[in-house]
Amino acid sequence: MYIAMNRFRIAPGREEDFLDIWRNRDSYLDEVPGFKSFHMLQGESKEDCTVFISHSEWTSQAAFRAWTKSEAFRKAHANAKAPEGIYLGPPQFEGYDVVL
């Protein structure tokens, strides 16, 4: 199994705006071979930001990589631009093979 995560730093007070973007988008993940599950995680709010992590599980790293090159990926990210002031920088990707 492979876990893909993106860490987002969100401006204070813009948490609901960020979540609305994710709630209202089509991910097309259910169309992709190897996709298992998706979760959006919210960390504790700090003075400078709130961290959110998108967490998706895949049958393999190859399945995840195939998704990033797929038409479903392009459709899911076609309108990904958010209103200014929500994101405090680009997301930080982390990928992990499950070993235990």
PDB file of N, CA and C in Angstrom:
ATOM      1  N   MET A   1       0.854  -1.175   0.000  1.00  0.00           N
ATOM      2  CA  MET A   1       0.000   0.000   0.000  1.00  0.00           C
ATOM      3  C   MET A   1       0.899   1.236   0.000  1.00  0.00           C
ATOM      4  N   TYR A   2       0.376   2.318  -0.565  1.00  0.00           N
ATOM      5  CA  TYR A   2       1.097   3.591  -0.664  1.00  0.00           C
ATOM      6  C   TYR A   2       0.187   4.694  -0.138  1.00  0.00           C
ATOM      7  N   ILE A   3       0.766   5.611   0.633  1.00  0.00           N
ATOM      8  CA  ILE A   3       0.021   6.760   1.158  1.00  0.00           C
ATOM      9  C   ILE A   3       0.615   8.033   0.579  1.00  0.00           C
ATOM     10  N   ALA A   4      -0.240   8.844  -0.014  1.00  0.00           N
ATOM     11  CA  ALA A   4       0.159  10.129  -0.583  1.00  0.00           C
ATOM     12  C   ALA A   4      -0.501  11.239   0.226  1.00  0.00           C
ATOM     13  N   MET A   5       0.314  12.215   0.630  1.00  0.00           N
ATOM     14  CA  MET A   5      -0.211  13.305   1.454  1.00  0.00           C
ATOM     15  C   MET A   5       0.293  14.643   0.929  1.00  0.00           C
ATOM     16  N   ASN A   6      -0.561  15.636   0.998  1.00  0.00           N
ATOM     17  CA  ASN A   6      -0.174  17.016   0.734  1.00  0.00           C
ATOM     18  C   ASN A   6      -0.480  17.828   1.979  1.00  0.00           C
ATOM     19  N   ARG A   7       0.515  18.576   2.419  1.00  0.00           N
ATOM     20  CA  ARG A   7       0.376  19.425   3.604  1.00  0.00           C
ATOM     21  C   ARG A   7       0.107  20.855   3.129  1.00  0.00           C
ATOM     22  N   PHE A   8      -1.019  21.416   3.599  1.00  0.00           N
ATOM     23  CA  PHE A   8      -1.433  22.771   3.234  1.00  0.00           C
ATOM     24  C   PHE A   8      -1.373  23.673   4.461  1.00  0.00           C
ATOM     25  N   ARG A   9      -0.738  24.819   4.337  1.00  0.00           N
ATOM     26  CA  ARG A   9      -0.753  25.840   5.384  1.00  0.00           C
ATOM     27  C   ARG A   9      -1.802  26.877   4.977  1.00  0.00           C
ATOM     28  N   ILE A  10      -2.834  27.017   5.825  1.00  0.00           N
ATOM     29  CA  ILE A  10      -3.988  27.858   5.507  1.00  0.00           C
ATOM     30  C   ILE A  10      -4.023  29.068   6.442  1.00  0.00           C
ATOM     31  N   ALA A  11      -4.314  30.211   5.853  1.00  0.00           N
ATOM     32  CA  ALA A  11      -4.351  31.469   6.606  1.00  0.00           C
ATOM     33  C   ALA A  11      -5.411  31.413   7.703  1.00  0.00           C
ATOM     34  N   PRO A  12      -5.113  32.017   8.853  1.00  0.00           N
ATOM     35  CA  PRO A  12      -6.099  32.061   9.944  1.00  0.00           C
ATOM     36  C   PRO A  12      -7.414  32.677   9.462  1.00  0.00           C
ATOM     37  N   GLY A  13      -8.510  32.035   9.834  1.00  0.00           N
ATOM     38  CA  GLY A  13      -9.827  32.523   9.463  1.00  0.00           C
ATOM     39  C   GLY A  13     -10.303  32.076   8.089  1.00  0.00           C
ATOM     40  N   ARG A  14      -9.449  31.376   7.338  1.00  0.00           N
ATOM     41  CA  ARG A  14      -9.816  30.931   5.988  1.00  0.00           C
ATOM     42  C   ARG A  14     -10.042  29.422   5.909  1.00  0.00           C
ATOM     43  N   GLU A  15     -10.125  28.772   7.064  1.00  0.00           N
ATOM     44  CA  GLU A  15     -10.277  27.316   7.103  1.00  0.00           C
ATOM     45  C   GLU A  15     -11.538  26.840   6.389  1.00  0.00           C
ATOM     46  N   GLU A  16     -12.665  27.487   6.633  1.00  0.00           N
ATOM     47  CA  GLU A  16     -13.914  27.069   5.988  1.00  0.00           C
ATOM     48  C   GLU A  16     -13.873  27.309   4.486  1.00  0.00           C
ATOM     49  N   ASP A  17     -13.209  28.384   4.051  1.00  0.00           N
ATOM     50  CA  ASP A  17     -13.054  28.626   2.613  1.00  0.00           C
ATOM     51  C   ASP A  17     -12.276  27.476   1.975  1.00  0.00           C
ATOM     52  N   PHE A  18     -11.211  27.055   2.629  1.00  0.00           N
ATOM     53  CA  PHE A  18     -10.403  25.943   2.138  1.00  0.00           C
ATOM     54  C   PHE A  18     -11.241  24.660   2.071  1.00  0.00           C
ATOM     55  N   LEU A  19     -11.952  24.370   3.148  1.00  0.00           N
ATOM     56  CA  LEU A  19     -12.767  23.154   3.173  1.00  0.00           C
ATOM     57  C   LEU A  19     -13.874  23.189   2.122  1.00  0.00           C
ATOM     58  N   ASP A  20     -14.460  24.348   1.887  1.00  0.00           N
ATOM     59  CA  ASP A  20     -15.502  24.469   0.860  1.00  0.00           C
ATOM     60  C   ASP A  20     -14.953  24.127  -0.521  1.00  0.00           C
ATOM     61  N   ILE A  21     -13.724  24.524  -0.802  1.00  0.00           N
ATOM     62  CA  ILE A  21     -13.100  24.184  -2.084  1.00  0.00           C
ATOM     63  C   ILE A  21     -13.063  22.671  -2.244  1.00  0.00           C
ATOM     64  N   TRP A  22     -12.637  21.980  -1.192  1.00  0.00           N
ATOM     65  CA  TRP A  22     -12.520  20.521  -1.250  1.00  0.00           C
ATOM     66  C   TRP A  22     -13.872  19.825  -1.248  1.00  0.00           C
ATOM     67  N   ARG A  23     -14.828  20.369  -0.509  1.00  0.00           N
ATOM     68  CA  ARG A  23     -16.167  19.765  -0.463  1.00  0.00           C
ATOM     69  C   ARG A  23     -16.870  19.846  -1.814  1.00  0.00           C
ATOM     70  N   ASN A  24     -16.608  20.897  -2.552  1.00  0.00           N
ATOM     71  CA  ASN A  24     -17.358  21.171  -3.780  1.00  0.00           C
ATOM     72  C   ASN A  24     -16.621  20.782  -5.055  1.00  0.00           C
ATOM     73  N   ARG A  25     -15.527  20.063  -4.956  1.00  0.00           N
ATOM     74  CA  ARG A  25     -14.795  19.678  -6.164  1.00  0.00           C
ATOM     75  C   ARG A  25     -15.056  18.218  -6.499  1.00  0.00           C
ATOM     76  N   ASP A  26     -14.981  17.921  -7.766  1.00  0.00           N
ATOM     77  CA  ASP A  26     -15.042  16.535  -8.215  1.00  0.00           C
ATOM     78  C   ASP A  26     -13.616  16.015  -8.237  1.00  0.00           C
ATOM     79  N   SER A  27     -13.352  14.940  -7.530  1.00  0.00           N
ATOM     80  CA  SER A  27     -11.994  14.396  -7.480  1.00  0.00           C
ATOM     81  C   SER A  27     -11.752  13.346  -8.556  1.00  0.00           C
ATOM     82  N   TYR A  28     -12.815  12.679  -8.991  1.00  0.00           N
ATOM     83  CA  TYR A  28     -12.731  11.598  -9.971  1.00  0.00           C
ATOM     84  C   TYR A  28     -11.892  10.423  -9.463  1.00  0.00           C
ATOM     85  N   LEU A  29     -11.589  10.384  -8.187  1.00  0.00           N
ATOM     86  CA  LEU A  29     -10.745   9.315  -7.657  1.00  0.00           C
ATOM     87  C   LEU A  29     -11.385   7.944  -7.781  1.00  0.00           C
ATOM     88  N   ASP A  30     -12.693   7.869  -7.659  1.00  0.00           N
ATOM     89  CA  ASP A  30     -13.366   6.576  -7.746  1.00  0.00           C
ATOM     90  C   ASP A  30     -13.222   5.930  -9.120  1.00  0.00           C
ATOM     91  N   GLU A  31     -12.829   6.722 -10.128  1.00  0.00           N
ATOM     92  CA  GLU A  31     -12.635   6.203 -11.480  1.00  0.00           C
ATOM     93  C   GLU A  31     -11.236   5.614 -11.679  1.00  0.00           C
ATOM     94  N   VAL A  32     -10.355   5.798 -10.719  1.00  0.00           N
ATOM     95  CA  VAL A  32      -8.943   5.485 -10.913  1.00  0.00           C
ATOM     96  C   VAL A  32      -8.585   4.124 -10.328  1.00  0.00           C
ATOM     97  N   PRO A  33      -8.003   3.246 -11.132  1.00  0.00           N
ATOM     98  CA  PRO A  33      -7.551   1.952 -10.609  1.00  0.00           C
ATOM     99  C   PRO A  33      -6.504   2.142  -9.509  1.00  0.00           C
ATOM    100  N   GLY A  34      -6.649   1.389  -8.442  1.00  0.00           N
ATOM    101  CA  GLY A  34      -5.682   1.432  -7.352  1.00  0.00           C
ATOM    102  C   GLY A  34      -6.016   2.384  -6.227  1.00  0.00           C
ATOM    103  N   PHE A  35      -7.003   3.257  -6.416  1.00  0.00           N
ATOM    104  CA  PHE A  35      -7.403   4.176  -5.344  1.00  0.00           C
ATOM    105  C   PHE A  35      -8.172   3.415  -4.277  1.00  0.00           C
ATOM    106  N   LYS A  36      -7.846   3.685  -3.000  1.00  0.00           N
ATOM    107  CA  LYS A  36      -8.527   3.007  -1.894  1.00  0.00           C
ATOM    108  C   LYS A  36      -9.374   3.963  -1.052  1.00  0.00           C
ATOM    109  N   SER A  37      -8.788   5.088  -0.603  1.00  0.00           N
ATOM    110  CA  SER A  37      -9.553   6.001   0.256  1.00  0.00           C
ATOM    111  C   SER A  37      -8.908   7.380   0.292  1.00  0.00           C
ATOM    112  N   PHE A  38      -9.706   8.358   0.732  1.00  0.00           N
ATOM    113  CA  PHE A  38      -9.240   9.744   0.869  1.00  0.00           C
ATOM    114  C   PHE A  38      -9.764  10.310   2.182  1.00  0.00           C
ATOM    115  N   HIS A  39      -8.923  11.081   2.850  1.00  0.00           N
ATOM    116  CA  HIS A  39      -9.312  11.809   4.058  1.00  0.00           C
ATOM    117  C   HIS A  39      -8.643  13.177   4.040  1.00  0.00           C
ATOM    118  N   MET A  40      -9.351  14.180   4.538  1.00  0.00           N
ATOM    119  CA  MET A  40      -8.754  15.490   4.766  1.00  0.00           C
ATOM    120  C   MET A  40      -8.595  15.637   6.270  1.00  0.00           C
ATOM    121  N   LEU A  41      -7.372  15.865   6.696  1.00  0.00           N
ATOM    122  CA  LEU A  41      -7.056  15.991   8.116  1.00  0.00           C
ATOM    123  C   LEU A  41      -6.849  17.456   8.466  1.00  0.00           C
ATOM    124  N   GLN A  42      -7.350  17.879   9.620  1.00  0.00           N
ATOM    125  CA  GLN A  42      -7.163  19.249  10.084  1.00  0.00           C
ATOM    126  C   GLN A  42      -6.395  19.220  11.382  1.00  0.00           C
ATOM    127  N   GLY A  43      -5.290  19.953  11.406  1.00  0.00           N
ATOM    128  CA  GLY A  43      -4.498  20.077  12.623  1.00  0.00           C
ATOM    129  C   GLY A  43      -5.011  21.214  13.489  1.00  0.00           C
ATOM    130  N   GLU A  44      -4.346  21.373  14.598  1.00  0.00           N
ATOM    131  CA  GLU A  44      -4.686  22.442  15.532  1.00  0.00           C
ATOM    132  C   GLU A  44      -4.399  23.797  14.896  1.00  0.00           C
ATOM    133  N   SER A  45      -5.294  24.752  15.099  1.00  0.00           N
ATOM    134  CA  SER A  45      -5.067  26.102  14.596  1.00  0.00           C
ATOM    135  C   SER A  45      -4.037  26.801  15.467  1.00  0.00           C
ATOM    136  N   LYS A  46      -3.073  27.406  14.804  1.00  0.00           N
ATOM    137  CA  LYS A  46      -2.035  28.194  15.484  1.00  0.00           C
ATOM    138  C   LYS A  46      -2.249  29.661  15.131  1.00  0.00           C
ATOM    139  N   GLU A  47      -1.457  30.519  15.719  1.00  0.00           N
ATOM    140  CA  GLU A  47      -1.582  31.940  15.448  1.00  0.00           C
ATOM    141  C   GLU A  47      -1.311  32.280  13.987  1.00  0.00           C
ATOM    142  N   ASP A  48      -0.362  31.573  13.365  1.00  0.00           N
ATOM    143  CA  ASP A  48       0.049  31.914  11.994  1.00  0.00           C
ATOM    144  C   ASP A  48      -0.647  31.097  10.909  1.00  0.00           C
ATOM    145  N   CYS A  49      -1.224  29.930  11.247  1.00  0.00           N
ATOM    146  CA  CYS A  49      -1.870  29.107  10.224  1.00  0.00           C
ATOM    147  C   CYS A  49      -2.584  27.919  10.855  1.00  0.00           C
ATOM    148  N   THR A  50      -3.358  27.247  10.012  1.00  0.00           N
ATOM    149  CA  THR A  50      -3.900  25.928  10.337  1.00  0.00           C
ATOM    150  C   THR A  50      -3.374  24.984   9.267  1.00  0.00           C
ATOM    151  N   VAL A  51      -2.860  23.841   9.691  1.00  0.00           N
ATOM    152  CA  VAL A  51      -2.350  22.859   8.745  1.00  0.00           C
ATOM    153  C   VAL A  51      -3.441  21.834   8.441  1.00  0.00           C
ATOM    154  N   PHE A  52      -3.634  21.589   7.157  1.00  0.00           N
ATOM    155  CA  PHE A  52      -4.510  20.535   6.672  1.00  0.00           C
ATOM    156  C   PHE A  52      -3.641  19.561   5.885  1.00  0.00           C
ATOM    157  N   ILE A  53      -4.005  18.292   5.920  1.00  0.00           N
ATOM    158  CA  ILE A  53      -3.275  17.285   5.154  1.00  0.00           C
ATOM    159  C   ILE A  53      -4.290  16.452   4.385  1.00  0.00           C
ATOM    160  N   SER A  54      -4.123  16.428   3.061  1.00  0.00           N
ATOM    161  CA  SER A  54      -4.912  15.498   2.256  1.00  0.00           C
ATOM    162  C   SER A  54      -4.187  14.158   2.318  1.00  0.00           C
ATOM    163  N   HIS A  55      -4.918  13.109   2.607  1.00  0.00           N
ATOM    164  CA  HIS A  55      -4.349  11.781   2.845  1.00  0.00           C
ATOM    165  C   HIS A  55      -5.090  10.789   1.955  1.00  0.00           C
ATOM    166  N   SER A  56      -4.380  10.221   0.996  1.00  0.00           N
ATOM    167  CA  SER A  56      -5.021   9.223   0.136  1.00  0.00           C
ATOM    168  C   SER A  56      -4.242   7.920   0.188  1.00  0.00           C
ATOM    169  N   GLU A  57      -4.983   6.825   0.129  1.00  0.00           N
ATOM    170  CA  GLU A  57      -4.388   5.496   0.158  1.00  0.00           C
ATOM    171  C   GLU A  57      -4.558   4.849  -1.208  1.00  0.00           C
ATOM    172  N   TRP A  58      -3.494   4.173  -1.645  1.00  0.00           N
ATOM    173  CA  TRP A  58      -3.434   3.549  -2.956  1.00  0.00           C
ATOM    174  C   TRP A  58      -2.911   2.132  -2.804  1.00  0.00           C
ATOM    175  N   THR A  59      -3.231   1.295  -3.766  1.00  0.00           N
ATOM    176  CA  THR A  59      -2.730  -0.077  -3.712  1.00  0.00           C
ATOM    177  C   THR A  59      -1.221  -0.124  -3.887  1.00  0.00           C
ATOM    178  N   SER A  60      -0.643   0.879  -4.571  1.00  0.00           N
ATOM    179  CA  SER A  60       0.804   0.901  -4.806  1.00  0.00           C
ATOM    180  C   SER A  60       1.241   2.314  -5.205  1.00  0.00           C
ATOM    181  N   GLN A  61       2.532   2.554  -5.143  1.00  0.00           N
ATOM    182  CA  GLN A  61       3.060   3.827  -5.615  1.00  0.00           C
ATOM    183  C   GLN A  61       2.819   3.964  -7.123  1.00  0.00           C
ATOM    184  N   ALA A  62       2.928   2.872  -7.849  1.00  0.00           N
ATOM    185  CA  ALA A  62       2.687   2.907  -9.292  1.00  0.00           C
ATOM    186  C   ALA A  62       1.261   3.349  -9.601  1.00  0.00           C
ATOM    187  N   ALA A  63       0.288   2.890  -8.817  1.00  0.00           N
ATOM    188  CA  ALA A  63      -1.105   3.297  -9.020  1.00  0.00           C
ATOM    189  C   ALA A  63      -1.267   4.795  -8.781  1.00  0.00           C
ATOM    190  N   PHE A  64      -0.622   5.307  -7.734  1.00  0.00           N
ATOM    191  CA  PHE A  64      -0.680   6.745  -7.467  1.00  0.00           C
ATOM    192  C   PHE A  64      -0.038   7.531  -8.600  1.00  0.00           C
ATOM    193  N   ARG A  65       1.127   7.121  -9.036  1.00  0.00           N
ATOM    194  CA  ARG A  65       1.826   7.816 -10.130  1.00  0.00           C
ATOM    195  C   ARG A  65       0.983   7.806 -11.405  1.00  0.00           C
ATOM    196  N   ALA A  66       0.325   6.686 -11.677  1.00  0.00           N
ATOM    197  CA  ALA A  66      -0.543   6.603 -12.852  1.00  0.00           C
ATOM    198  C   ALA A  66      -1.685   7.621 -12.743  1.00  0.00           C
ATOM    199  N   TRP A  67      -2.232   7.795 -11.543  1.00  0.00           N
ATOM    200  CA  TRP A  67      -3.300   8.789 -11.312  1.00  0.00           C
ATOM    201  C   TRP A  67      -2.807  10.188 -11.651  1.00  0.00           C
ATOM    202  N   THR A  68      -1.563  10.515 -11.278  1.00  0.00           N
ATOM    203  CA  THR A  68      -1.054  11.871 -11.532  1.00  0.00           C
ATOM    204  C   THR A  68      -0.857  12.152 -13.020  1.00  0.00           C
ATOM    205  N   LYS A  69      -0.866  11.116 -13.833  1.00  0.00           N
ATOM    206  CA  LYS A  69      -0.707  11.277 -15.280  1.00  0.00           C
ATOM    207  C   LYS A  69      -2.012  11.032 -16.039  1.00  0.00           C
ATOM    208  N   SER A  70      -3.098  10.845 -15.313  1.00  0.00           N
ATOM    209  CA  SER A  70      -4.372  10.452 -15.916  1.00  0.00           C
ATOM    210  C   SER A  70      -5.248  11.646 -16.296  1.00  0.00           C
ATOM    211  N   GLU A  71      -6.208  11.368 -17.150  1.00  0.00           N
ATOM    212  CA  GLU A  71      -7.216  12.363 -17.509  1.00  0.00           C
ATOM    213  C   GLU A  71      -8.047  12.740 -16.273  1.00  0.00           C
ATOM    214  N   ALA A  72      -8.319  11.787 -15.403  1.00  0.00           N
ATOM    215  CA  ALA A  72      -9.066  12.074 -14.172  1.00  0.00           C
ATOM    216  C   ALA A  72      -8.328  13.102 -13.323  1.00  0.00           C
ATOM    217  N   PHE A  73      -7.010  12.996 -13.229  1.00  0.00           N
ATOM    218  CA  PHE A  73      -6.195  13.959 -12.479  1.00  0.00           C
ATOM    219  C   PHE A  73      -6.318  15.346 -13.111  1.00  0.00           C
ATOM    220  N   ARG A  74      -6.198  15.405 -14.424  1.00  0.00           N
ATOM    221  CA  ARG A  74      -6.297  16.703 -15.112  1.00  0.00           C
ATOM    222  C   ARG A  74      -7.668  17.336 -14.879  1.00  0.00           C
ATOM    223  N   LYS A  75      -8.732  16.524 -14.947  1.00  0.00           N
ATOM    224  CA  LYS A  75     -10.078  17.055 -14.706  1.00  0.00           C
ATOM    225  C   LYS A  75     -10.230  17.533 -13.262  1.00  0.00           C
ATOM    226  N   ALA A  76      -9.711  16.775 -12.313  1.00  0.00           N
ATOM    227  CA  ALA A  76      -9.850  17.121 -10.895  1.00  0.00           C
ATOM    228  C   ALA A  76      -9.116  18.413 -10.549  1.00  0.00           C
ATOM    229  N   HIS A  77      -8.033  18.698 -11.265  1.00  0.00           N
ATOM    230  CA  HIS A  77      -7.222  19.874 -10.955  1.00  0.00           C
ATOM    231  C   HIS A  77      -7.416  21.030 -11.929  1.00  0.00           C
ATOM    232  N   ALA A  78      -8.355  20.893 -12.858  1.00  0.00           N
ATOM    233  CA  ALA A  78      -8.562  21.906 -13.888  1.00  0.00           C
ATOM    234  C   ALA A  78      -8.955  23.262 -13.299  1.00  0.00           C
ATOM    235  N   ASN A  79      -9.734  23.260 -12.237  1.00  0.00           N
ATOM    236  CA  ASN A  79     -10.198  24.515 -11.627  1.00  0.00           C
ATOM    237  C   ASN A  79      -9.689  24.640 -10.195  1.00  0.00           C
ATOM    238  N   ALA A  80      -8.444  24.264  -9.982  1.00  0.00           N
ATOM    239  CA  ALA A  80      -7.904  24.199  -8.627  1.00  0.00           C
ATOM    240  C   ALA A  80      -7.482  25.551  -8.063  1.00  0.00           C
ATOM    241  N   LYS A  81      -7.501  26.591  -8.855  1.00  0.00           N
ATOM    242  CA  LYS A  81      -7.084  27.904  -8.359  1.00  0.00           C
ATOM    243  C   LYS A  81      -8.061  28.394  -7.296  1.00  0.00           C
ATOM    244  N   ALA A  82      -7.517  28.746  -6.149  1.00  0.00           N
ATOM    245  CA  ALA A  82      -8.339  29.210  -5.028  1.00  0.00           C
ATOM    246  C   ALA A  82      -8.292  30.735  -4.953  1.00  0.00           C
ATOM    247  N   PRO A  83      -9.292  31.336  -4.327  1.00  0.00           N
ATOM    248  CA  PRO A  83      -9.239  32.779  -4.104  1.00  0.00           C
ATOM    249  C   PRO A  83      -7.959  33.156  -3.342  1.00  0.00           C
ATOM    250  N   GLU A  84      -7.427  34.300  -3.651  1.00  0.00           N
ATOM    251  CA  GLU A  84      -6.183  34.760  -3.042  1.00  0.00           C
ATOM    252  C   GLU A  84      -6.321  34.875  -1.518  1.00  0.00           C
ATOM    253  N   GLY A  85      -5.251  34.543  -0.833  1.00  0.00           N
ATOM    254  CA  GLY A  85      -5.198  34.718   0.608  1.00  0.00           C
ATOM    255  C   GLY A  85      -5.543  33.494   1.432  1.00  0.00           C
ATOM    256  N   ILE A  86      -5.912  32.387   0.801  1.00  0.00           N
ATOM    257  CA  ILE A  86      -6.240  31.175   1.548  1.00  0.00           C
ATOM    258  C   ILE A  86      -4.965  30.387   1.867  1.00  0.00           C
ATOM    259  N   TYR A  87      -4.174  30.132   0.826  1.00  0.00           N
ATOM    260  CA  TYR A  87      -2.965  29.308   0.977  1.00  0.00           C
ATOM    261  C   TYR A  87      -1.774  30.167   1.371  1.00  0.00           C
ATOM    262  N   LEU A  88      -0.991  29.681   2.315  1.00  0.00           N
ATOM    263  CA  LEU A  88       0.244  30.349   2.713  1.00  0.00           C
ATOM    264  C   LEU A  88       1.421  29.597   2.091  1.00  0.00           C
ATOM    265  N   GLY A  89       1.438  29.541   0.782  1.00  0.00           N
ATOM    266  CA  GLY A  89       2.463  28.821   0.055  1.00  0.00           C
ATOM    267  C   GLY A  89       1.905  27.582  -0.598  1.00  0.00           C
ATOM    268  N   PRO A  90       2.722  26.936  -1.431  1.00  0.00           N
ATOM    269  CA  PRO A  90       2.268  25.739  -2.135  1.00  0.00           C
ATOM    270  C   PRO A  90       2.180  24.549  -1.190  1.00  0.00           C
ATOM    271  N   PRO A  91       1.383  23.548  -1.546  1.00  0.00           N
ATOM    272  CA  PRO A  91       1.325  22.338  -0.707  1.00  0.00           C
ATOM    273  C   PRO A  91       2.662  21.604  -0.745  1.00  0.00           C
ATOM    274  N   GLN A  92       2.946  20.888   0.321  1.00  0.00           N
ATOM    275  CA  GLN A  92       4.162  20.087   0.426  1.00  0.00           C
ATOM    276  C   GLN A  92       3.771  18.617   0.342  1.00  0.00           C
ATOM    277  N   PHE A  93       4.262  17.935  -0.703  1.00  0.00           N
ATOM    278  CA  PHE A  93       3.922  16.541  -0.923  1.00  0.00           C
ATOM    279  C   PHE A  93       4.829  15.620  -0.105  1.00  0.00           C
ATOM    280  N   GLU A  94       4.229  14.535   0.401  1.00  0.00           N
ATOM    281  CA  GLU A  94       4.963  13.458   1.055  1.00  0.00           C
ATOM    282  C   GLU A  94       4.318  12.150   0.625  1.00  0.00           C
ATOM    283  N   GLY A  95       5.129  11.184   0.210  1.00  0.00           N
ATOM    284  CA  GLY A  95       4.621   9.872  -0.188  1.00  0.00           C
ATOM    285  C   GLY A  95       5.329   8.780   0.580  1.00  0.00           C
ATOM    286  N   TYR A  96       4.587   7.739   0.963  1.00  0.00           N
ATOM    287  CA  TYR A  96       5.125   6.682   1.809  1.00  0.00           C
ATOM    288  C   TYR A  96       4.639   5.308   1.361  1.00  0.00           C
ATOM    289  N   ASP A  97       5.560   4.378   1.286  1.00  0.00           N
ATOM    290  CA  ASP A  97       5.192   2.973   1.146  1.00  0.00           C
ATOM    291  C   ASP A  97       4.893   2.440   2.542  1.00  0.00           C
ATOM    292  N   VAL A  98       3.791   1.732   2.699  1.00  0.00           N
ATOM    293  CA  VAL A  98       3.463   1.114   3.989  1.00  0.00           C
ATOM    294  C   VAL A  98       4.314  -0.135   4.128  1.00  0.00           C
ATOM    295  N   VAL A  99       5.084  -0.207   5.205  1.00  0.00           N
ATOM    296  CA  VAL A  99       6.013  -1.327   5.385  1.00  0.00           C
ATOM    297  C   VAL A  99       5.584  -2.289   6.497  1.00  0.00           C
ATOM    298  N   LEU A 100       4.710  -1.890   7.383  1.00  0.00           N
ATOM    299  CA  LEU A 100       4.179  -2.773   8.432  1.00  0.00           C
ATOM    300  C   LEU A 100       2.678  -2.633   8.498  1.00  0.00           C
TER     301      LEU A 100
END
